[in-house]
Amino acid sequence: MRHGHVEGIQPELFGGRMDVPLTEEGTKQSALAAQFIASRWHPVLVYANPPQRCVQTAFEIAKACGVETAVIEELNELDYGTWKWGLHSEIRLTTKASRRN
């Protein structure tokens, strides 16, 4: 599942490997998701990719289900390089302009 709410969703930013934490809203979302999952399924392990927002969400789910969390580096987010933390709208304009040149 996707992690809870983080800064950078509105306006939409290229976060990728930026290690941003869950917001207060994201923490609440993770807790609710964890309760939902624990009431319906019985996982034996919860996998997460490395950014703390993902680990925080996975940890909440694992805790609610009484299992461990495994952080898997190979599941990491894309590295956006120079686009990192750039606005989608600005990157779109930049790439359109460079295509015309």
Protein backbone atom coordinates (compact mmCIF):
# COMPACT_ATOMS: atom_id res chain seq x y z
CA MET A 1 0.00 0.00 0.00
CA ARG A 2 1.03 3.62 -0.33
CA HIS A 3 2.38 5.58 2.63
CA GLY A 4 0.29 8.17 4.46
CA HIS A 5 0.17 11.88 3.64
CA VAL A 6 3.43 13.84 3.38
CA GLU A 7 4.36 17.40 2.46
CA GLY A 8 4.91 17.71 -1.28
CA ILE A 9 1.61 16.23 -2.43
CA GLN A 10 -0.04 19.63 -3.02
CA PRO A 11 1.42 21.27 -4.95
CA GLU A 12 2.77 18.13 -6.54
CA LEU A 13 6.55 17.73 -6.15
CA PHE A 14 9.02 15.13 -7.37
CA GLY A 15 9.86 13.60 -3.99
CA GLY A 16 11.45 10.31 -4.91
CA ARG A 17 14.14 9.52 -2.39
CA MET A 18 13.60 12.71 -0.39
CA ASP A 19 13.27 11.45 3.15
CA VAL A 20 10.18 13.36 4.24
CA PRO A 21 8.24 12.20 7.30
CA LEU A 22 4.53 11.63 7.50
CA THR A 23 2.47 14.67 8.40
CA GLU A 24 0.08 14.53 11.35
CA GLU A 25 -2.63 13.58 8.85
CA GLY A 26 -0.37 10.88 7.37
CA THR A 27 0.26 9.41 10.83
CA LYS A 28 -3.50 9.19 11.42
CA GLN A 29 -4.00 7.64 7.98
CA SER A 30 -1.35 5.02 8.71
CA ALA A 31 -2.97 4.09 12.01
CA LEU A 32 -6.38 3.74 10.35
CA ALA A 33 -4.92 1.68 7.51
CA ALA A 34 -3.16 -0.54 10.04
CA GLN A 35 -6.41 -1.20 11.90
CA PHE A 36 -8.21 -1.94 8.64
CA ILE A 37 -5.53 -4.37 7.46
CA ALA A 38 -5.21 -6.10 10.85
CA SER A 39 -8.98 -6.64 11.00
CA ARG A 40 -9.07 -8.38 7.61
CA TRP A 41 -5.74 -10.05 6.90
CA HIS A 42 -2.98 -11.86 8.74
CA PRO A 43 0.36 -10.97 7.16
CA VAL A 44 3.45 -12.74 8.41
CA LEU A 45 5.81 -9.86 7.50
CA VAL A 46 5.42 -6.29 6.26
CA TYR A 47 7.90 -5.03 3.65
CA ALA A 48 8.82 -1.36 3.26
CA ASN A 49 11.08 0.70 1.08
CA PRO A 50 13.67 2.88 2.87
CA PRO A 51 12.19 6.41 3.11
CA GLN A 52 10.95 7.09 6.63
CA ARG A 53 7.40 7.83 5.42
CA CYS A 54 7.23 4.28 4.08
CA VAL A 55 8.90 2.74 7.12
CA GLN A 56 6.56 4.66 9.46
CA THR A 57 3.51 3.41 7.57
CA ALA A 58 4.78 -0.16 7.41
CA PHE A 59 5.69 -0.13 11.10
CA GLU A 60 2.14 0.88 12.06
CA ILE A 61 0.73 -1.96 9.97
CA ALA A 62 3.21 -4.48 11.34
CA LYS A 63 2.56 -3.38 14.93
CA ALA A 64 -1.21 -3.74 14.48
CA CYS A 65 -0.73 -7.19 12.94
CA GLY A 66 1.84 -8.35 15.52
CA VAL A 67 4.57 -8.98 12.94
CA GLU A 68 7.96 -7.57 11.97
CA THR A 69 8.84 -4.97 9.34
CA ALA A 70 11.55 -5.64 6.75
CA VAL A 71 13.07 -2.65 4.96
CA ILE A 72 14.19 -3.63 1.46
CA GLU A 73 16.66 -1.28 -0.25
CA GLU A 74 15.77 -2.67 -3.69
CA LEU A 75 12.25 -1.28 -3.26
CA ASN A 76 13.60 2.27 -2.96
CA GLU A 77 11.95 5.21 -4.72
CA LEU A 78 13.25 6.69 -7.97
CA ASP A 79 16.12 9.15 -7.74
CA TYR A 80 14.91 12.20 -9.68
CA GLY A 81 18.32 13.87 -9.69
CA THR A 82 18.01 17.57 -10.54
CA TRP A 83 14.21 17.26 -10.60
CA LYS A 84 14.19 16.32 -6.89
CA TRP A 85 11.69 18.45 -4.96
CA GLY A 86 10.81 20.33 -8.14
CA LEU A 87 7.21 21.20 -8.92
CA HIS A 88 5.63 18.93 -11.53
CA SER A 89 4.30 22.00 -13.36
CA GLU A 90 7.78 23.60 -13.52
CA ILE A 91 9.49 20.42 -14.69
CA ARG A 92 6.81 19.98 -17.36
CA LEU A 93 7.52 23.48 -18.68
CA THR A 94 11.29 22.92 -18.59
CA THR A 95 11.11 19.62 -20.47
CA LYS A 96 8.72 21.06 -23.10
CA ALA A 97 11.06 24.00 -23.65
CA SER A 98 14.11 21.75 -24.01
CA ARG A 99 12.31 19.55 -26.55
CA ARG A 100 11.67 22.58 -28.75
CA ASN A 101 15.38 23.51 -28.77
